[in-house]
Amino acid sequence: MEIWTKDEPEWRTVAPTAGYANASRGYGLADLGRAIETNRPHRASAELAFHVLEIMDAILNSGTHHHVISLASSVERPAPVPLGALPNTW
């Protein structure tokens, strides 16, 4: 994986620190099912969906009107998936 930041304005390779091993299509659904099964908070919450929608709308409005848009919503960041986990083990 590569990353570019304000503090280091060039592409550099970083090793993953979290995430499912060899993730592909369907892992999000598997994560949701496992979260429901084990009674832990899942990542596909209505609060997160609303926050992402507000961000997308703010990006469009900011570009159209050429000004900064403040967000009204916030959401608690979900815990990272342990590095190398599988949906049926976490």
Protein backbone atom coordinates (compact mmCIF):
# COMPACT_ATOMS: atom_id res chain seq x y z
CA MET A 1 0.00 0.00 0.00
CA GLU A 2 1.21 3.53 -0.71
CA ILE A 3 0.39 6.74 1.15
CA TRP A 4 0.86 10.48 0.56
CA THR A 5 0.49 12.90 3.47
CA LYS A 6 0.71 16.62 4.05
CA ASP A 7 3.75 16.12 6.28
CA GLU A 8 5.49 13.80 3.79
CA PRO A 9 4.36 15.01 0.33
CA GLU A 10 5.58 12.06 -1.72
CA TRP A 11 4.34 8.53 -2.27
CA ARG A 12 5.85 5.99 0.11
CA THR A 13 5.14 2.35 0.76
CA VAL A 14 3.72 1.38 4.15
CA ALA A 15 2.97 -2.06 5.53
CA PRO A 16 -0.63 -2.77 6.54
CA THR A 17 -1.32 -2.63 10.28
CA ALA A 18 -4.88 -3.97 10.24
CA GLY A 19 -7.31 -5.73 7.96
CA TYR A 20 -8.56 -9.05 6.73
CA ALA A 21 -6.07 -11.41 5.11
CA ASN A 22 -6.43 -11.33 1.30
CA ALA A 23 -9.71 -9.39 1.52
CA SER A 24 -11.92 -9.48 -1.54
CA ARG A 25 -15.57 -9.08 -2.45
CA GLY A 26 -17.93 -10.19 0.26
CA TYR A 27 -15.69 -9.47 3.24
CA GLY A 28 -17.78 -6.47 4.25
CA LEU A 29 -20.91 -8.60 4.35
CA ALA A 30 -19.06 -11.35 6.21
CA ASP A 31 -17.82 -8.76 8.73
CA LEU A 32 -21.38 -7.49 9.24
CA GLY A 33 -22.70 -11.03 9.76
CA ARG A 34 -19.93 -11.90 12.22
CA ALA A 35 -20.50 -8.66 14.15
CA ILE A 36 -24.20 -9.43 14.52
CA GLU A 37 -23.42 -13.03 15.47
CA THR A 38 -20.89 -12.00 18.16
CA ASN A 39 -22.82 -8.92 19.32
CA ARG A 40 -20.10 -6.40 18.52
CA PRO A 41 -20.69 -3.05 16.77
CA HIS A 42 -20.58 -3.43 13.00
CA ARG A 43 -19.10 -1.04 10.46
CA ALA A 44 -22.22 -0.65 8.31
CA SER A 45 -24.10 1.59 10.75
CA ALA A 46 -26.70 4.15 9.77
CA GLU A 47 -24.60 6.80 11.55
CA LEU A 48 -21.54 6.01 9.43
CA ALA A 49 -23.63 5.96 6.24
CA PHE A 50 -25.11 9.39 7.06
CA HIS A 51 -21.68 10.83 7.87
CA VAL A 52 -20.22 9.56 4.57
CA LEU A 53 -23.20 11.01 2.69
CA GLU A 54 -22.68 14.37 4.40
CA ILE A 55 -18.99 14.31 3.43
CA MET A 56 -19.81 13.55 -0.22
CA ASP A 57 -22.38 16.35 -0.32
CA ALA A 58 -19.90 18.77 1.30
CA ILE A 59 -17.25 17.92 -1.30
CA LEU A 60 -19.66 18.70 -4.14
CA ASN A 61 -20.92 21.92 -2.51
CA SER A 62 -17.42 23.08 -1.67
CA GLY A 63 -16.30 22.62 -5.27
CA THR A 64 -19.38 24.31 -6.68
CA HIS A 65 -19.44 27.29 -4.33
CA HIS A 66 -15.68 27.56 -3.68
CA HIS A 67 -15.86 27.68 0.09
CA VAL A 68 -15.26 25.43 3.08
CA ILE A 69 -18.22 23.37 4.25
CA SER A 70 -18.41 22.46 7.94
CA LEU A 71 -19.78 19.06 8.80
CA ALA A 72 -22.61 18.77 11.32
CA SER A 73 -22.30 15.02 11.87
CA SER A 74 -19.60 12.88 13.37
CA VAL A 75 -19.28 9.18 14.01
CA GLU A 76 -17.14 7.03 16.27
CA ARG A 77 -14.41 5.30 14.33
CA PRO A 78 -14.87 1.51 14.34
CA ALA A 79 -12.12 -0.59 15.91
CA PRO A 80 -9.61 -1.80 13.34
CA VAL A 81 -9.83 -5.37 12.14
CA PRO A 82 -6.84 -7.28 13.56
CA LEU A 83 -4.15 -7.75 10.92
CA GLY A 84 -4.58 -11.02 9.07
CA ALA A 85 -7.98 -11.85 10.60
CA LEU A 86 -10.64 -13.83 8.79
CA PRO A 87 -14.35 -12.91 9.06
CA ASN A 88 -15.18 -16.14 10.90
CA THR A 89 -12.41 -15.63 13.49
CA TRP A 90 -12.86 -12.03 14.54
